[in-house]
Amino acid sequence: MKRIIIIAFLALLTCACNDPFMPGYDAQIDHRGNALQNKVNRFLNDLQRTAGTPAAAYVNHKRFYSEMRTELKGLRDAAAKLPRNEATLNCIAPIEENVIQLEALHRTGITAAEVPVLRTIFETQFQALLHLEDAKLRGKRKKDVAR
């Protein structure tokens, strides 16, 4: 768990850098990132509420992990289409990795006490992504005003 927190912190630092050669704001990445954050939050809320019961068993949530992998791949592919978008890709990669780690942990069983830590990790990573997109939007607006 300590390793996950360190990864989340490093992802935040990586994403926080403001590069003047960064691509412009992409509403699709922003909206999809928000939707994925909401989906993870709903999942973690459900998991915390049902932890320790048969409803929380991994087998009942395989679809969530499959959907997350697919949706994150789509988000990564959209970000990869933009030139010089490495910072956004660097924000998406740890989210993908932590979904994999969450799935592995879920297979062995997750307690209600672990969910707040997991929530903090995912919130930190999604906020890094969304703040980066917001910074791009503010940069776009400044450029539009300067014209």
N, C-alpha and C. Protein backbone atom coordinates (compact mmCIF):
# COMPACT_ATOMS: atom_id res chain seq x y z
N MET A 1 0.83 -1.18 0.00
CA MET A 1 0.00 0.00 0.00
C MET A 1 0.88 1.26 0.00
N LYS A 2 1.99 1.19 0.73
CA LYS A 2 2.91 2.33 0.79
C LYS A 2 3.45 2.64 -0.60
N ARG A 3 3.71 1.60 -1.37
CA ARG A 3 4.21 1.78 -2.73
C ARG A 3 3.19 2.50 -3.60
N ILE A 4 1.92 2.19 -3.42
CA ILE A 4 0.86 2.82 -4.19
C ILE A 4 0.80 4.31 -3.86
N ILE A 5 0.95 4.66 -2.60
CA ILE A 5 0.92 6.06 -2.20
C ILE A 5 2.09 6.82 -2.82
N ILE A 6 3.26 6.20 -2.84
CA ILE A 6 4.44 6.82 -3.45
C ILE A 6 4.21 7.02 -4.95
N ILE A 7 3.64 6.02 -5.62
CA ILE A 7 3.35 6.13 -7.04
C ILE A 7 2.38 7.27 -7.29
N ALA A 8 1.35 7.37 -6.47
CA ALA A 8 0.36 8.44 -6.62
C ALA A 8 1.02 9.81 -6.46
N PHE A 9 1.90 9.94 -5.50
CA PHE A 9 2.59 11.21 -5.27
C PHE A 9 3.47 11.56 -6.46
N LEU A 10 4.21 10.60 -6.96
CA LEU A 10 5.07 10.85 -8.11
C LEU A 10 4.25 11.21 -9.35
N ALA A 11 3.10 10.56 -9.51
CA ALA A 11 2.22 10.89 -10.64
C ALA A 11 1.73 12.33 -10.53
N LEU A 12 1.41 12.74 -9.33
CA LEU A 12 0.94 14.11 -9.12
C LEU A 12 2.05 15.10 -9.47
N LEU A 13 3.27 14.82 -9.06
CA LEU A 13 4.39 15.70 -9.39
C LEU A 13 4.62 15.75 -10.89
N THR A 14 4.56 14.60 -11.54
CA THR A 14 4.77 14.53 -12.98
C THR A 14 3.73 15.33 -13.71
N CYS A 15 2.48 15.21 -13.28
CA CYS A 15 1.38 15.88 -13.97
C CYS A 15 1.31 17.35 -13.65
N ALA A 16 1.91 17.76 -12.55
CA ALA A 16 1.79 19.15 -12.12
C ALA A 16 2.69 20.09 -12.92
N CYS A 17 3.63 19.55 -13.64
CA CYS A 17 4.54 20.39 -14.41
C CYS A 17 3.78 21.10 -15.52
N ASN A 18 4.04 22.39 -15.69
CA ASN A 18 3.36 23.16 -16.73
C ASN A 18 4.35 23.40 -17.85
N ASP A 19 4.15 22.76 -18.96
CA ASP A 19 5.03 22.81 -20.11
C ASP A 19 4.44 23.76 -21.14
N PRO A 20 5.18 24.80 -21.54
CA PRO A 20 4.63 25.73 -22.52
C PRO A 20 4.41 25.10 -23.88
N PHE A 21 4.98 23.94 -24.12
CA PHE A 21 4.80 23.26 -25.39
C PHE A 21 3.75 22.17 -25.32
N MET A 22 2.95 22.20 -24.27
CA MET A 22 1.89 21.23 -24.07
C MET A 22 0.78 21.45 -25.09
N PRO A 23 0.10 20.39 -25.49
CA PRO A 23 -1.01 20.58 -26.43
C PRO A 23 -2.16 21.31 -25.76
N GLY A 24 -3.10 21.72 -26.57
CA GLY A 24 -4.26 22.44 -26.04
C GLY A 24 -5.20 21.53 -25.27
N TYR A 25 -6.16 22.18 -24.68
CA TYR A 25 -7.21 21.51 -23.91
C TYR A 25 -8.01 20.58 -24.82
N ASP A 26 -8.35 19.42 -24.29
CA ASP A 26 -9.18 18.46 -25.01
C ASP A 26 -10.39 18.14 -24.13
N ALA A 27 -11.55 18.64 -24.52
CA ALA A 27 -12.77 18.44 -23.72
C ALA A 27 -13.09 16.96 -23.55
N GLN A 28 -12.79 16.15 -24.56
CA GLN A 28 -13.07 14.72 -24.49
C GLN A 28 -12.28 14.08 -23.34
N ILE A 29 -11.03 14.42 -23.21
CA ILE A 29 -10.21 13.86 -22.12
C ILE A 29 -10.74 14.34 -20.78
N ASP A 30 -11.09 15.60 -20.69
CA ASP A 30 -11.63 16.16 -19.46
C ASP A 30 -12.93 15.45 -19.06
N HIS A 31 -13.86 15.35 -19.98
CA HIS A 31 -15.15 14.73 -19.68
C HIS A 31 -15.01 13.24 -19.35
N ARG A 32 -14.19 12.55 -20.13
CA ARG A 32 -13.99 11.12 -19.87
C ARG A 32 -13.28 10.89 -18.55
N GLY A 33 -12.31 11.75 -18.23
CA GLY A 33 -11.63 11.64 -16.94
C GLY A 33 -12.59 11.85 -15.78
N ASN A 34 -13.47 12.84 -15.90
CA ASN A 34 -14.48 13.08 -14.87
C ASN A 34 -15.42 11.89 -14.73
N ALA A 35 -15.85 11.34 -15.85
CA ALA A 35 -16.76 10.19 -15.82
C ALA A 35 -16.10 8.98 -15.16
N LEU A 36 -14.83 8.75 -15.47
CA LEU A 36 -14.12 7.63 -14.85
C LEU A 36 -13.92 7.86 -13.36
N GLN A 37 -13.63 9.08 -12.97
CA GLN A 37 -13.48 9.37 -11.54
C GLN A 37 -14.80 9.09 -10.82
N ASN A 38 -15.91 9.51 -11.39
CA ASN A 38 -17.22 9.26 -10.78
C ASN A 38 -17.51 7.76 -10.70
N LYS A 39 -17.13 7.04 -11.74
CA LYS A 39 -17.36 5.59 -11.75
C LYS A 39 -16.56 4.91 -10.64
N VAL A 40 -15.31 5.29 -10.48
CA VAL A 40 -14.47 4.71 -9.43
C VAL A 40 -15.03 5.08 -8.06
N ASN A 41 -15.46 6.32 -7.89
CA ASN A 41 -16.04 6.73 -6.60
C ASN A 41 -17.29 5.91 -6.26
N ARG A 42 -18.17 5.72 -7.24
CA ARG A 42 -19.38 4.91 -7.00
C ARG A 42 -19.00 3.48 -6.63
N PHE A 43 -18.01 2.94 -7.33
CA PHE A 43 -17.55 1.58 -7.06
C PHE A 43 -16.99 1.47 -5.64
N LEU A 44 -16.15 2.42 -5.27
CA LEU A 44 -15.55 2.37 -3.92
C LEU A 44 -16.61 2.59 -2.84
N ASN A 45 -17.59 3.44 -3.10
CA ASN A 45 -18.70 3.61 -2.14
C ASN A 45 -19.43 2.29 -1.94
N ASP A 46 -19.72 1.62 -3.05
CA ASP A 46 -20.42 0.32 -2.98
C ASP A 46 -19.56 -0.70 -2.25
N LEU A 47 -18.28 -0.71 -2.56
CA LEU A 47 -17.36 -1.67 -1.95
C LEU A 47 -17.25 -1.42 -0.44
N GLN A 48 -17.19 -0.18 -0.04
CA GLN A 48 -17.09 0.13 1.39
C GLN A 48 -18.37 -0.28 2.12
N ARG A 49 -19.50 -0.06 1.47
CA ARG A 49 -20.79 -0.40 2.08
C ARG A 49 -20.99 -1.91 2.20
N THR A 50 -20.46 -2.67 1.24
CA THR A 50 -20.71 -4.11 1.21
C THR A 50 -19.53 -4.95 1.67
N ALA A 51 -18.41 -4.32 2.03
CA ALA A 51 -17.21 -5.07 2.44
C ALA A 51 -17.55 -6.10 3.51
N GLY A 52 -16.98 -7.28 3.33
CA GLY A 52 -17.21 -8.36 4.29
C GLY A 52 -18.47 -9.18 4.02
N THR A 53 -19.19 -8.82 2.96
CA THR A 53 -20.39 -9.57 2.59
C THR A 53 -20.17 -10.24 1.24
N PRO A 54 -21.00 -11.21 0.89
CA PRO A 54 -20.86 -11.84 -0.42
C PRO A 54 -21.01 -10.85 -1.59
N ALA A 55 -21.75 -9.76 -1.39
CA ALA A 55 -21.93 -8.77 -2.45
C ALA A 55 -20.62 -8.10 -2.85
N ALA A 56 -19.66 -8.08 -1.95
CA ALA A 56 -18.37 -7.43 -2.23
C ALA A 56 -17.38 -8.36 -2.91
N ALA A 57 -17.74 -9.60 -3.09
CA ALA A 57 -16.81 -10.58 -3.68
C ALA A 57 -16.36 -10.14 -5.08
N TYR A 58 -15.12 -10.41 -5.37
CA TYR A 58 -14.53 -10.03 -6.66
C TYR A 58 -15.36 -10.53 -7.83
N VAL A 59 -15.85 -11.74 -7.76
CA VAL A 59 -16.60 -12.33 -8.86
C VAL A 59 -17.80 -11.47 -9.26
N ASN A 60 -18.34 -10.73 -8.33
CA ASN A 60 -19.49 -9.86 -8.61
C ASN A 60 -19.09 -8.53 -9.25
N HIS A 61 -17.79 -8.30 -9.39
CA HIS A 61 -17.32 -7.00 -9.90
C HIS A 61 -16.38 -7.12 -11.09
N LYS A 62 -16.30 -8.30 -11.68
CA LYS A 62 -15.41 -8.48 -12.83
C LYS A 62 -15.74 -7.51 -13.96
N ARG A 63 -17.02 -7.24 -14.14
CA ARG A 63 -17.45 -6.34 -15.22
C ARG A 63 -16.88 -4.94 -15.01
N PHE A 64 -16.87 -4.48 -13.77
CA PHE A 64 -16.31 -3.16 -13.47
C PHE A 64 -14.87 -3.07 -13.96
N TYR A 65 -14.06 -4.07 -13.65
CA TYR A 65 -12.65 -4.03 -14.03
C TYR A 65 -12.47 -4.10 -15.55
N SER A 66 -13.28 -4.91 -16.19
CA SER A 66 -13.23 -4.99 -17.65
C SER A 66 -13.60 -3.65 -18.28
N GLU A 67 -14.65 -3.03 -17.78
CA GLU A 67 -15.07 -1.72 -18.29
C GLU A 67 -14.00 -0.66 -18.04
N MET A 68 -13.40 -0.69 -16.86
CA MET A 68 -12.37 0.30 -16.54
C MET A 68 -11.16 0.16 -17.46
N ARG A 69 -10.73 -1.08 -17.70
CA ARG A 69 -9.59 -1.28 -18.61
C ARG A 69 -9.92 -0.73 -20.00
N THR A 70 -11.13 -1.02 -20.48
CA THR A 70 -11.54 -0.56 -21.81
C THR A 70 -11.62 0.96 -21.86
N GLU A 71 -12.25 1.56 -20.86
CA GLU A 71 -12.42 3.01 -20.85
C GLU A 71 -11.10 3.74 -20.66
N LEU A 72 -10.21 3.20 -19.84
CA LEU A 72 -8.90 3.82 -19.68
C LEU A 72 -8.06 3.69 -20.94
N LYS A 73 -8.18 2.58 -21.63
CA LYS A 73 -7.47 2.43 -22.91
C LYS A 73 -7.98 3.47 -23.90
N GLY A 74 -9.29 3.67 -23.94
CA GLY A 74 -9.86 4.69 -24.82
C GLY A 74 -9.37 6.09 -24.47
N LEU A 75 -9.28 6.37 -23.18
CA LEU A 75 -8.78 7.66 -22.73
C LEU A 75 -7.32 7.84 -23.12
N ARG A 76 -6.53 6.79 -22.90
CA ARG A 76 -5.10 6.85 -23.26
C ARG A 76 -4.94 7.03 -24.78
N ASP A 77 -5.73 6.29 -25.55
CA ASP A 77 -5.65 6.41 -27.01
C ASP A 77 -6.01 7.81 -27.48
N ALA A 78 -7.04 8.41 -26.86
CA ALA A 78 -7.43 9.78 -27.21
C ALA A 78 -6.30 10.76 -26.88
N ALA A 79 -5.68 10.58 -25.73
CA ALA A 79 -4.59 11.46 -25.32
C ALA A 79 -3.36 11.27 -26.22
N ALA A 80 -3.12 10.04 -26.64
CA ALA A 80 -1.94 9.75 -27.47
C ALA A 80 -2.06 10.35 -28.87
N LYS A 81 -3.26 10.66 -29.30
CA LYS A 81 -3.45 11.25 -30.64
C LYS A 81 -2.97 12.69 -30.70
N LEU A 82 -2.86 13.33 -29.54
CA LEU A 82 -2.43 14.71 -29.51
C LEU A 82 -0.91 14.78 -29.41
N PRO A 83 -0.27 15.59 -30.23
CA PRO A 83 1.19 15.71 -30.13
C PRO A 83 1.59 16.37 -28.82
N ARG A 84 2.76 16.00 -28.32
CA ARG A 84 3.34 16.59 -27.10
C ARG A 84 2.42 16.44 -25.90
N ASN A 85 1.71 15.33 -25.80
CA ASN A 85 0.75 15.14 -24.72
C ASN A 85 1.25 14.14 -23.68
N GLU A 86 2.56 14.07 -23.51
CA GLU A 86 3.15 13.11 -22.59
C GLU A 86 2.69 13.33 -21.15
N ALA A 87 2.48 14.57 -20.74
CA ALA A 87 2.07 14.84 -19.36
C ALA A 87 0.72 14.20 -19.07
N THR A 88 -0.19 14.28 -20.02
CA THR A 88 -1.50 13.66 -19.84
C THR A 88 -1.35 12.14 -19.80
N LEU A 89 -0.55 11.59 -20.68
CA LEU A 89 -0.32 10.14 -20.67
C LEU A 89 0.33 9.71 -19.36
N ASN A 90 1.21 10.57 -18.81
CA ASN A 90 1.85 10.26 -17.53
C ASN A 90 0.86 10.32 -16.37
N CYS A 91 -0.24 11.01 -16.54
CA CYS A 91 -1.30 11.02 -15.52
C CYS A 91 -2.20 9.81 -15.64
N ILE A 92 -2.41 9.33 -16.84
CA ILE A 92 -3.31 8.19 -17.08
C ILE A 92 -2.64 6.88 -16.67
N ALA A 93 -1.35 6.74 -16.93
CA ALA A 93 -0.64 5.48 -16.67
C ALA A 93 -0.76 4.99 -15.23
N PRO A 94 -0.58 5.84 -14.22
CA PRO A 94 -0.71 5.33 -12.85
C PRO A 94 -2.15 4.93 -12.50
N ILE A 95 -3.12 5.59 -13.12
CA ILE A 95 -4.50 5.19 -12.89
C ILE A 95 -4.72 3.78 -13.42
N GLU A 96 -4.22 3.54 -14.63
CA GLU A 96 -4.32 2.20 -15.22
C GLU A 96 -3.64 1.16 -14.33
N GLU A 97 -2.44 1.48 -13.87
CA GLU A 97 -1.68 0.55 -13.03
C GLU A 97 -2.42 0.28 -11.72
N ASN A 98 -3.00 1.31 -11.14
CA ASN A 98 -3.69 1.11 -9.87
C ASN A 98 -5.03 0.40 -10.01
N VAL A 99 -5.64 0.47 -11.17
CA VAL A 99 -6.82 -0.36 -11.41
C VAL A 99 -6.40 -1.83 -11.42
N ILE A 100 -5.27 -2.12 -12.03
CA ILE A 100 -4.74 -3.49 -12.04
C ILE A 100 -4.44 -3.94 -10.61
N GLN A 101 -3.79 -3.06 -9.83
CA GLN A 101 -3.47 -3.41 -8.44
C GLN A 101 -4.72 -3.55 -7.58
N LEU A 102 -5.71 -2.69 -7.83
CA LEU A 102 -6.98 -2.79 -7.10
C LEU A 102 -7.66 -4.12 -7.40
N GLU A 103 -7.64 -4.52 -8.65
CA GLU A 103 -8.25 -5.79 -9.03
C GLU A 103 -7.54 -6.95 -8.33
N ALA A 104 -6.23 -6.93 -8.30
CA ALA A 104 -5.47 -7.99 -7.62
C ALA A 104 -5.79 -8.01 -6.13
N LEU A 105 -5.88 -6.84 -5.52
CA LEU A 105 -6.24 -6.76 -4.11
C LEU A 105 -7.66 -7.26 -3.88
N HIS A 106 -8.55 -6.90 -4.77
CA HIS A 106 -9.96 -7.31 -4.64
C HIS A 106 -10.09 -8.83 -4.71
N ARG A 107 -9.28 -9.45 -5.53
CA ARG A 107 -9.32 -10.92 -5.63
C ARG A 107 -9.05 -11.58 -4.28
N THR A 108 -8.19 -10.94 -3.48
CA THR A 108 -7.85 -11.51 -2.17
C THR A 108 -8.78 -11.01 -1.07
N GLY A 109 -9.57 -10.00 -1.38
CA GLY A 109 -10.53 -9.46 -0.41
C GLY A 109 -10.12 -8.09 0.08
N ILE A 110 -11.05 -7.16 0.06
CA ILE A 110 -10.80 -5.79 0.51
C ILE A 110 -11.68 -5.53 1.73
N THR A 111 -11.08 -4.94 2.74
CA THR A 111 -11.84 -4.58 3.93
C THR A 111 -12.35 -3.15 3.81
N ALA A 112 -13.36 -2.82 4.58
CA ALA A 112 -13.91 -1.46 4.58
C ALA A 112 -12.85 -0.45 5.00
N ALA A 113 -11.92 -0.86 5.87
CA ALA A 113 -10.86 0.04 6.34
C ALA A 113 -9.87 0.39 5.23
N GLU A 114 -9.73 -0.45 4.23
CA GLU A 114 -8.79 -0.18 3.13
C GLU A 114 -9.36 0.79 2.10
N VAL A 115 -10.67 0.88 2.03
CA VAL A 115 -11.30 1.69 0.98
C VAL A 115 -10.92 3.17 1.06
N PRO A 116 -10.89 3.81 2.23
CA PRO A 116 -10.50 5.22 2.25
C PRO A 116 -9.10 5.48 1.69
N VAL A 117 -8.17 4.56 1.92
CA VAL A 117 -6.82 4.71 1.36
C VAL A 117 -6.88 4.60 -0.16
N LEU A 118 -7.61 3.61 -0.64
CA LEU A 118 -7.76 3.44 -2.08
C LEU A 118 -8.43 4.66 -2.70
N ARG A 119 -9.44 5.19 -2.03
CA ARG A 119 -10.14 6.38 -2.53
C ARG A 119 -9.18 7.56 -2.65
N THR A 120 -8.35 7.75 -1.63
CA THR A 120 -7.38 8.86 -1.65
C THR A 120 -6.41 8.72 -2.83
N ILE A 121 -5.96 7.53 -3.06
CA ILE A 121 -5.03 7.28 -4.17
C ILE A 121 -5.68 7.63 -5.50
N PHE A 122 -6.87 7.10 -5.73
CA PHE A 122 -7.54 7.37 -7.00
C PHE A 122 -7.94 8.83 -7.14
N GLU A 123 -8.42 9.45 -6.06
CA GLU A 123 -8.79 10.86 -6.13
C GLU A 123 -7.57 11.71 -6.48
N THR A 124 -6.44 11.40 -5.88
CA THR A 124 -5.20 12.14 -6.16
C THR A 124 -4.83 12.02 -7.63
N GLN A 125 -4.91 10.81 -8.14
CA GLN A 125 -4.51 10.60 -9.53
C GLN A 125 -5.49 11.24 -10.51
N PHE A 126 -6.79 11.09 -10.26
CA PHE A 126 -7.76 11.73 -11.15
C PHE A 126 -7.68 13.24 -11.06
N GLN A 127 -7.47 13.77 -9.86
CA GLN A 127 -7.35 15.22 -9.73
C GLN A 127 -6.12 15.74 -10.47
N ALA A 128 -5.03 15.00 -10.46
CA ALA A 128 -3.85 15.41 -11.22
C ALA A 128 -4.19 15.51 -12.70
N LEU A 129 -4.88 14.52 -13.21
CA LEU A 129 -5.28 14.52 -14.62
C LEU A 129 -6.22 15.69 -14.91
N LEU A 130 -7.23 15.87 -14.07
CA LEU A 130 -8.23 16.90 -14.33
C LEU A 130 -7.67 18.30 -14.12
N HIS A 131 -6.76 18.48 -13.17
CA HIS A 131 -6.11 19.78 -12.99
C HIS A 131 -5.22 20.11 -14.18
N LEU A 132 -4.57 19.11 -14.72
CA LEU A 132 -3.75 19.33 -15.91
C LEU A 132 -4.63 19.80 -17.06
N GLU A 133 -5.75 19.13 -17.27
CA GLU A 133 -6.65 19.54 -18.35
C GLU A 133 -7.21 20.93 -18.09
N ASP A 134 -7.50 21.24 -16.84
CA ASP A 134 -7.98 22.58 -16.49
C ASP A 134 -6.92 23.63 -16.78
N ALA A 135 -5.67 23.32 -16.48
CA ALA A 135 -4.58 24.25 -16.78
C ALA A 135 -4.47 24.48 -18.29
N LYS A 136 -4.65 23.42 -19.05
CA LYS A 136 -4.63 23.57 -20.51
C LYS A 136 -5.77 24.47 -20.97
N LEU A 137 -6.95 24.30 -20.37
CA LEU A 137 -8.10 25.12 -20.73
C LEU A 137 -7.83 26.59 -20.39
N ARG A 138 -7.27 26.84 -19.21
CA ARG A 138 -6.94 28.22 -18.84
C ARG A 138 -5.91 28.81 -19.80
N GLY A 139 -4.93 28.00 -20.20
CA GLY A 139 -3.94 28.44 -21.16
C GLY A 139 -4.57 28.76 -22.50
N LYS A 140 -5.52 27.95 -22.90
CA LYS A 140 -6.23 28.19 -24.18
C LYS A 140 -7.01 29.49 -24.11
N ARG A 141 -7.67 29.72 -22.98
CA ARG A 141 -8.45 30.95 -22.84
C ARG A 141 -7.54 32.19 -22.88
N LYS A 142 -6.37 32.08 -22.24
CA LYS A 142 -5.43 33.20 -22.25
C LYS A 142 -4.96 33.48 -23.67
N LYS A 143 -4.69 32.41 -24.43
CA LYS A 143 -4.26 32.59 -25.83
C LYS A 143 -5.37 33.22 -26.65
N ASP A 144 -6.62 32.79 -26.40
CA ASP A 144 -7.76 33.34 -27.14
C ASP A 144 -7.95 34.82 -26.83
N VAL A 145 -7.74 35.22 -25.58
CA VAL A 145 -7.88 36.62 -25.17
C VAL A 145 -6.77 37.45 -25.80
N ALA A 146 -5.57 36.89 -25.89
CA ALA A 146 -4.42 37.63 -26.44
C ALA A 146 -4.56 37.88 -27.93
N ARG A 147 -5.38 37.11 -28.59
CA ARG A 147 -5.54 37.28 -30.05
C ARG A 147 -6.38 38.44 -30.31
